[in-house]
C-alpha atoms as a PDB file:
ATOM      1  CA  PHE A   1      -4.459  -4.935 -15.586  1.00  0.00           C
ATOM      2  CA  LYS A   2      -3.545  -8.228 -17.398  1.00  0.00           C
ATOM      3  CA  ASN A   3      -2.861  -6.717 -20.875  1.00  0.00           C
ATOM      4  CA  ALA A   4      -0.754  -3.781 -19.305  1.00  0.00           C
ATOM      5  CA  LEU A   5       1.613  -6.308 -17.869  1.00  0.00           C
ATOM      6  CA  ASN A   6       1.772  -8.584 -20.969  1.00  0.00           C
ATOM      7  CA  ASP A   7       2.134  -5.407 -23.300  1.00  0.00           C
ATOM      8  CA  ASP A   8       5.868  -4.560 -24.565  1.00  0.00           C
ATOM      9  CA  LYS A   9       5.409  -1.196 -22.580  1.00  0.00           C
ATOM     10  CA  HIS A  10       7.539  -1.186 -19.447  1.00  0.00           C
ATOM     11  CA  PRO A  11       7.914  -0.246 -16.767  1.00  0.00           C
ATOM     12  CA  ASP A  12       4.483  -0.736 -15.466  1.00  0.00           C
ATOM     13  CA  PHE A  13       3.452   1.415 -12.262  1.00  0.00           C
ATOM     14  CA  ILE A  14       1.133  -0.338 -10.069  1.00  0.00           C
ATOM     15  CA  ILE A  15      -0.708   1.564  -7.511  1.00  0.00           C
ATOM     16  CA  PHE A  16      -2.969   0.009  -4.625  1.00  0.00           C
ATOM     17  CA  SER A  17      -5.256   2.709  -3.630  1.00  0.00           C
ATOM     18  CA  SER A  18      -8.516   3.106  -1.723  1.00  0.00           C
ATOM     19  CA  PRO A  19     -11.538   5.470  -2.534  1.00  0.00           C
ATOM     20  CA  TYR A  20     -11.741   5.993   1.343  1.00  0.00           C
ATOM     21  CA  CYS A  21      -8.214   6.810   1.793  1.00  0.00           C
ATOM     22  CA  GLY A  22      -7.551  10.893   1.727  1.00  0.00           C
ATOM     23  CA  ALA A  23      -3.933  10.468   0.809  1.00  0.00           C
ATOM     24  CA  CYS A  24      -4.980   8.200  -2.234  1.00  0.00           C
ATOM     25  CA  THR A  25      -7.464  10.782  -3.215  1.00  0.00           C
ATOM     26  CA  ASP A  26      -4.789  13.383  -3.004  1.00  0.00           C
ATOM     27  CA  LEU A  27      -2.243  11.172  -5.153  1.00  0.00           C
ATOM     28  CA  LYS A  28      -5.083  10.607  -7.868  1.00  0.00           C
ATOM     29  CA  HIS A  29      -5.408  14.408  -8.247  1.00  0.00           C
ATOM     30  CA  ARG A  30      -1.569  15.150  -8.444  1.00  0.00           C
ATOM     31  CA  LEU A  31      -1.323  12.219 -10.889  1.00  0.00           C
ATOM     32  CA  ASN A  32      -4.025  13.984 -13.163  1.00  0.00           C
ATOM     33  CA  ASP A  33      -2.586  17.508 -12.636  1.00  0.00           C
ATOM     34  CA  LEU A  34       0.859  16.320 -13.721  1.00  0.00           C
ATOM     35  CA  GLY A  35      -0.698  14.206 -16.784  1.00  0.00           C
ATOM     36  CA  TRP A  36       0.540  11.010 -15.529  1.00  0.00           C
ATOM     37  CA  ARG A  37      -2.610   9.246 -14.877  1.00  0.00           C
ATOM     38  CA  ASN A  38      -2.546   7.568 -18.204  1.00  0.00           C
ATOM     39  CA  LYS A  39       1.143   6.252 -17.437  1.00  0.00           C
ATOM     40  CA  VAL A  40       0.057   4.188 -14.414  1.00  0.00           C
ATOM     41  CA  ILE A  41      -2.314   1.613 -13.212  1.00  0.00           C
ATOM     42  CA  VAL A  42      -4.453   2.579 -10.237  1.00  0.00           C
ATOM     43  CA  LEU A  43      -6.193  -0.397  -8.410  1.00  0.00           C
ATOM     44  CA  ASN A  44      -8.753  -0.497  -5.630  1.00  0.00           C
ATOM     45  CA  TYR A  45      -7.349  -2.291  -2.900  1.00  0.00           C
ATOM     46  CA  HIS A  46     -10.739  -3.280  -1.482  1.00  0.00           C
ATOM     47  CA  GLU A  47     -11.697  -5.298  -4.626  1.00  0.00           C
ATOM     48  CA  LYS A  48     -11.396  -9.113  -3.736  1.00  0.00           C
ATOM     49  CA  TRP A  49      -8.934  -9.918  -6.656  1.00  0.00           C
ATOM     50  CA  VAL A  50      -6.915  -6.760  -6.082  1.00  0.00           C
ATOM     51  CA  ASN A  51      -6.700  -7.532  -2.316  1.00  0.00           C
ATOM     52  CA  LEU A  52      -5.416 -11.083  -3.154  1.00  0.00           C
ATOM     53  CA  ILE A  53      -2.329  -9.933  -5.333  1.00  0.00           C
ATOM     54  CA  ALA A  54      -1.755  -7.057  -2.667  1.00  0.00           C
ATOM     55  CA  ASN A  55      -1.281  -9.747   0.153  1.00  0.00           C
ATOM     56  CA  HIS A  56       0.360 -12.254  -2.011  1.00  0.00           C
ATOM     57  CA  ILE A  57       3.135  -9.532  -2.901  1.00  0.00           C
ATOM     58  CA  GLY A  58       3.210  -8.065   0.854  1.00  0.00           C
ATOM     59  CA  ILE A  59       1.330  -4.817   0.549  1.00  0.00           C
ATOM     60  CA  THR A  60      -0.620  -3.886   3.606  1.00  0.00           C
ATOM     61  CA  VAL A  61      -1.310  -0.220   3.458  1.00  0.00           C
ATOM     62  CA  VAL A  62      -2.316   2.171   0.866  1.00  0.00           C
ATOM     63  CA  PRO A  63      -1.104   4.177  -1.174  1.00  0.00           C
ATOM     64  CA  SER A  64       1.493   1.659  -2.226  1.00  0.00           C
ATOM     65  CA  MET A  65       3.014   1.194  -5.531  1.00  0.00           C
ATOM     66  CA  ILE A  66       5.100  -1.407  -7.246  1.00  0.00           C
ATOM     67  CA  ILE A  67       6.992  -0.976 -10.719  1.00  0.00           C
ATOM     68  CA  ASP A  68       6.931  -4.059 -12.693  1.00  0.00           C
ATOM     69  CA  LYS A  69       9.709  -4.009 -15.325  1.00  0.00           C
ATOM     70  CA  ASP A  70       9.233  -7.972 -16.406  1.00  0.00           C
ATOM     71  CA  SER A  71       5.780  -9.024 -16.706  1.00  0.00           C
ATOM     72  CA  GLY A  72       5.660  -9.781 -13.215  1.00  0.00           C
ATOM     73  CA  ASN A  73       8.474 -12.354 -13.446  1.00  0.00           C
ATOM     74  CA  THR A  74      10.605 -10.872 -10.617  1.00  0.00           C
ATOM     75  CA  LYS A  75       9.307  -9.196  -7.300  1.00  0.00           C
ATOM     76  CA  SER A  76       9.281  -5.461  -6.967  1.00  0.00           C
ATOM     77  CA  LYS A  77      10.395  -3.310  -4.184  1.00  0.00           C
ATOM     78  CA  ILE A  78       7.077  -1.656  -2.541  1.00  0.00           C
ATOM     79  CA  PHE A  79       6.952   2.285  -2.481  1.00  0.00           C
ATOM     80  CA  ILE A  80       4.631   3.447   0.303  1.00  0.00           C
ATOM     81  CA  GLY A  81       2.873   6.950   0.728  1.00  0.00           C
ATOM     82  CA  VAL A  82       2.415   9.516  -1.596  1.00  0.00           C
ATOM     83  CA  GLY A  83       5.651  11.407  -1.045  1.00  0.00           C
ATOM     84  CA  GLU A  84       7.634   8.258  -1.909  1.00  0.00           C
ATOM     85  CA  ILE A  85       5.336   7.067  -4.998  1.00  0.00           C
ATOM     86  CA  ALA A  86       5.330  10.700  -6.466  1.00  0.00           C
ATOM     87  CA  ARG A  87       9.420  10.667  -6.042  1.00  0.00           C
ATOM     88  CA  GLN A  88       9.534   7.280  -8.060  1.00  0.00           C
ATOM     89  CA  LEU A  89       7.241   8.533 -10.709  1.00  0.00           C
ATOM     90  CA  TYR A  90       9.231  11.915 -11.256  1.00  0.00           C
ATOM     91  CA  GLU A  91      12.277  10.007 -11.588  1.00  0.00           C
ATOM     92  CA  HIS A  92      10.945   7.748 -14.139  1.00  0.00           C
ATOM     93  CA  LEU A  93       8.307   9.868 -16.092  1.00  0.00           C
ATOM     94  CA  GLU A  94      10.107  13.182 -15.937  1.00  0.00           C
ATOM     95  CA  LEU A  95      13.864  12.544 -15.476  1.00  0.00           C
ATOM     96  CA  LYS A  96      14.058  10.008 -18.285  1.00  0.00           C
ATOM     97  CA  LYS A  97      12.226  12.203 -21.067  1.00  0.00           C
END
């Protein structure tokens, strides 16, 4: 995670997810089907360090996503829900090809 934020590849798409969330599981399948899985970072919201980060930036529900464009130097808008996350990823990963 830290390496991804510090590399020169931007933006970073960071998804907060849960293995107990049906919508999160559907989102992961959709990411795989569209070939986007290797272009996003999926974090388990229930891991303590992930939960601390999520709480610090204001994430309280899953699935949620932030788009980091500058190694965490500015606060990102939080995108909530499968539909909104998929729309944002489509705009960034498909339309900008």
